[in-house]
Amino acid sequence: MSAVVTAVSSNSEYSFTKPNRKSITLLAGLGVEGDVHAGVTVKHRSRVAQDPTQPNLRQVHLIHEELFSELGEAGFQVAPGELGENITTRGIDLLRLPVGTLLRIGAEAVVEVTGLRNPCLQIDNFQDGLLKQVVGRDDLGNIVRKAGIMSIVTEGGLVRSGDMIKVELPDKPHRPLDRV
């Protein structure tokens, strides 16, 4: 199966969900044009409260569409954009990519994977009990985060549903994703 974009979303206002769009424009070094989380420095409220000068490693949020099927089996209904992601994908195991992976999306856009999204309690405000579905523990007691990955834009461009995604792994040794 090929890796593909299944939906794109953005929101100019702080809100948990993001409406789907026909297309989004990625801006190098900033994020999604017109999105509230675009910028060189952090824009997520909790990160701004800690240190507003931190670099924005969360410019573009990607979630794998396969998660929605998994959540559906657990009794939850979740659609693209509803967990606040900018790009919904299919056919790529986002959570197993190493730090520094480049994702070439469509004709021009390139994002560099920075880490895992660290889900917060807002997910339970969206649907009660959903947080336990996207954050849990494995058999060894390690925290497992499934709510997507974060990235920065290294090359801008237009991104639409149906765009192909090409994965370029960084040189070894690979560093596993951690929360950002």
Protein backbone atom coordinates (compact mmCIF):
# COMPACT_ATOMS: atom_id res chain seq x y z
CA MET A 1 0.00 0.00 0.00
CA SER A 2 1.27 3.48 -0.83
CA ALA A 3 1.40 6.25 1.75
CA VAL A 4 -1.19 8.93 1.01
CA VAL A 5 -2.79 12.04 2.51
CA THR A 6 -6.47 11.35 3.24
CA ALA A 7 -7.42 14.76 4.70
CA VAL A 8 -5.95 18.17 5.50
CA SER A 9 -7.14 20.50 8.26
CA SER A 10 -6.34 23.88 9.76
CA ASN A 11 -7.84 26.43 12.11
CA SER A 12 -6.94 30.07 12.64
CA GLU A 13 -8.44 30.00 16.15
CA TYR A 14 -7.54 27.95 19.22
CA SER A 15 -9.87 24.99 19.17
CA PHE A 16 -9.41 21.29 19.84
CA THR A 17 -10.67 20.25 16.41
CA LYS A 18 -9.66 21.60 13.01
CA PRO A 19 -12.03 21.81 10.04
CA ASN A 20 -11.09 19.87 6.91
CA ARG A 21 -9.95 21.95 3.94
CA LYS A 22 -9.54 21.32 0.21
CA SER A 23 -5.85 22.13 0.66
CA ILE A 24 -3.36 23.62 3.09
CA THR A 25 -0.15 25.48 2.34
CA LEU A 26 2.94 24.57 4.32
CA LEU A 27 5.41 27.41 4.91
CA ALA A 28 9.08 26.54 5.48
CA GLY A 29 10.12 27.15 9.08
CA LEU A 30 6.60 28.16 10.15
CA GLY A 31 3.95 25.47 9.65
CA VAL A 32 0.50 25.60 8.10
CA GLU A 33 -0.40 28.97 6.62
CA GLY A 34 -3.17 30.58 8.67
CA ASP A 35 -3.11 27.90 11.39
CA VAL A 36 -3.02 29.06 14.99
CA HIS A 37 -0.02 26.81 15.69
CA ALA A 38 2.17 28.21 12.89
CA GLY A 39 5.30 30.05 13.93
CA VAL A 40 9.01 29.86 14.64
CA THR A 41 8.45 29.64 18.41
CA VAL A 42 5.96 27.47 20.32
CA LYS A 43 2.26 28.23 19.95
CA HIS A 44 0.65 25.48 22.04
CA ARG A 45 -0.67 27.20 25.15
CA SER A 46 0.95 24.85 27.67
CA ARG A 47 4.35 25.24 25.97
CA VAL A 48 4.03 29.04 25.76
CA ALA A 49 3.31 29.13 29.52
CA GLN A 50 6.53 27.17 30.18
CA ASP A 51 8.81 29.18 27.86
CA PRO A 52 7.49 31.22 24.92
CA THR A 53 10.96 31.38 23.32
CA GLN A 54 11.19 27.59 22.71
CA PRO A 55 11.52 26.58 19.05
CA ASN A 56 8.27 25.32 17.55
CA LEU A 57 8.87 21.60 16.96
CA ARG A 58 5.09 21.13 16.60
CA GLN A 59 4.42 23.09 13.40
CA VAL A 60 2.52 20.29 11.63
CA HIS A 61 0.60 17.50 13.38
CA LEU A 62 0.06 14.24 11.47
CA ILE A 63 -2.22 11.34 12.46
CA HIS A 64 -2.57 7.97 10.77
CA GLU A 65 -6.14 7.26 9.63
CA GLU A 66 -5.74 3.67 10.84
CA LEU A 67 -6.03 5.02 14.40
CA PHE A 68 -9.64 6.03 13.71
CA SER A 69 -10.53 2.42 12.82
CA GLU A 70 -8.86 1.21 16.01
CA LEU A 71 -10.79 3.78 18.05
CA GLY A 72 -14.00 2.74 16.27
CA GLU A 73 -13.48 -0.83 17.41
CA ALA A 74 -13.32 0.52 20.98
CA GLY A 75 -16.63 2.35 20.50
CA PHE A 76 -15.38 5.85 19.64
CA GLN A 77 -16.25 7.83 16.52
CA VAL A 78 -13.39 10.05 15.35
CA ALA A 79 -12.99 11.69 11.95
CA PRO A 80 -10.09 13.53 10.30
CA GLY A 81 -9.31 16.87 11.95
CA GLU A 82 -11.22 16.08 15.12
CA LEU A 83 -8.06 15.37 17.14
CA GLY A 84 -6.49 18.63 15.96
CA GLU A 85 -4.21 17.20 13.29
CA ASN A 86 -3.25 19.08 10.13
CA ILE A 87 -2.58 16.05 7.93
CA THR A 88 -4.30 12.67 8.11
CA THR A 89 -2.40 9.83 6.45
CA ARG A 90 -2.97 6.24 5.38
CA GLY A 91 -0.46 3.49 4.64
CA ILE A 92 2.43 4.70 6.80
CA ASP A 93 3.32 3.67 10.35
CA LEU A 94 3.94 7.20 11.62
CA LEU A 95 4.58 6.15 15.21
CA ARG A 96 7.55 3.95 14.28
CA LEU A 97 9.40 6.57 12.22
CA PRO A 98 12.68 7.80 13.73
CA VAL A 99 13.40 11.41 14.61
CA GLY A 100 14.64 13.30 11.55
CA THR A 101 12.62 11.32 9.00
CA LEU A 102 11.66 13.46 6.01
CA LEU A 103 8.16 13.13 4.59
CA ARG A 104 7.87 14.42 1.03
CA ILE A 105 4.22 15.28 0.58
CA GLY A 106 2.76 16.00 -2.84
CA ALA A 107 4.84 17.86 -5.41
CA GLU A 108 6.78 20.23 -3.16
CA ALA A 109 6.19 20.04 0.60
CA VAL A 110 8.66 18.38 2.98
CA VAL A 111 8.28 18.00 6.74
CA GLU A 112 10.85 16.66 9.19
CA VAL A 113 9.53 14.45 11.99
CA THR A 114 10.41 15.84 15.44
CA GLY A 115 8.52 13.59 17.85
CA LEU A 116 5.28 12.24 19.22
CA ARG A 117 2.26 14.29 20.13
CA ASN A 118 1.76 14.25 23.87
CA PRO A 119 -2.03 14.00 24.26
CA CYS A 120 -3.70 16.02 27.01
CA LEU A 121 -6.96 16.00 28.94
CA GLN A 122 -8.70 17.96 26.17
CA ILE A 123 -9.11 14.61 24.42
CA ASP A 124 -11.42 13.44 27.22
CA ASN A 125 -13.35 16.72 26.96
CA PHE A 126 -13.88 15.86 23.28
CA GLN A 127 -15.02 12.27 24.04
CA ASP A 128 -14.97 10.88 27.57
CA GLY A 129 -12.54 7.98 27.90
CA LEU A 130 -10.74 8.68 24.62
CA LEU A 131 -7.47 9.69 26.32
CA LYS A 132 -6.99 6.13 27.63
CA GLN A 133 -7.31 4.89 24.04
CA VAL A 134 -4.53 7.14 22.69
CA VAL A 135 -2.16 6.96 25.69
CA GLY A 136 -1.50 3.75 27.50
CA ARG A 137 1.24 1.41 28.65
CA ASP A 138 2.81 -1.58 26.98
CA ASP A 139 3.47 -4.93 28.68
CA LEU A 140 6.69 -3.54 30.19
CA GLY A 141 4.96 -0.48 31.65
CA ASN A 142 6.36 1.98 29.10
CA ILE A 143 4.09 4.85 28.03
CA VAL A 144 2.69 4.40 24.52
CA ARG A 145 1.44 7.53 22.74
CA LYS A 146 -0.75 6.93 19.66
CA ALA A 147 -2.17 10.41 18.92
CA GLY A 148 0.15 11.13 16.00
CA ILE A 149 3.46 12.80 15.36
CA MET A 150 4.75 16.34 15.15
CA SER A 151 6.99 17.88 12.52
CA ILE A 152 8.56 21.05 11.20
CA VAL A 153 8.32 22.31 7.63
CA THR A 154 11.63 22.21 5.77
CA GLU A 155 10.18 22.91 2.30
CA GLY A 156 6.88 24.64 1.74
CA GLY A 157 4.15 23.71 -0.69
CA LEU A 158 0.50 22.90 -1.25
CA VAL A 159 -0.88 19.72 0.34
CA ARG A 160 -4.20 18.10 -0.62
CA SER A 161 -6.10 14.93 0.08
CA GLY A 162 -4.84 12.27 -2.34
CA ASP A 163 -1.25 13.52 -2.34
CA MET A 164 1.35 10.77 -2.13
CA ILE A 165 3.87 10.67 0.73
CA LYS A 166 7.44 9.52 0.25
CA VAL A 167 9.41 8.54 3.37
CA GLU A 168 13.15 9.28 3.62
CA LEU A 169 14.77 7.82 6.73
CA PRO A 170 17.71 9.66 8.31
CA ASP A 171 21.17 8.15 8.53
CA LYS A 172 21.66 5.54 11.25
CA PRO A 173 21.72 5.26 14.14
CA HIS A 174 17.99 6.03 14.29
CA ARG A 175 16.57 7.76 17.34
CA PRO A 176 13.09 6.59 18.36
CA LEU A 177 10.36 9.22 18.69
CA ASP A 178 9.70 10.75 22.07
CA ARG A 179 7.14 13.38 23.08
CA VAL A 180 7.68 16.95 21.94
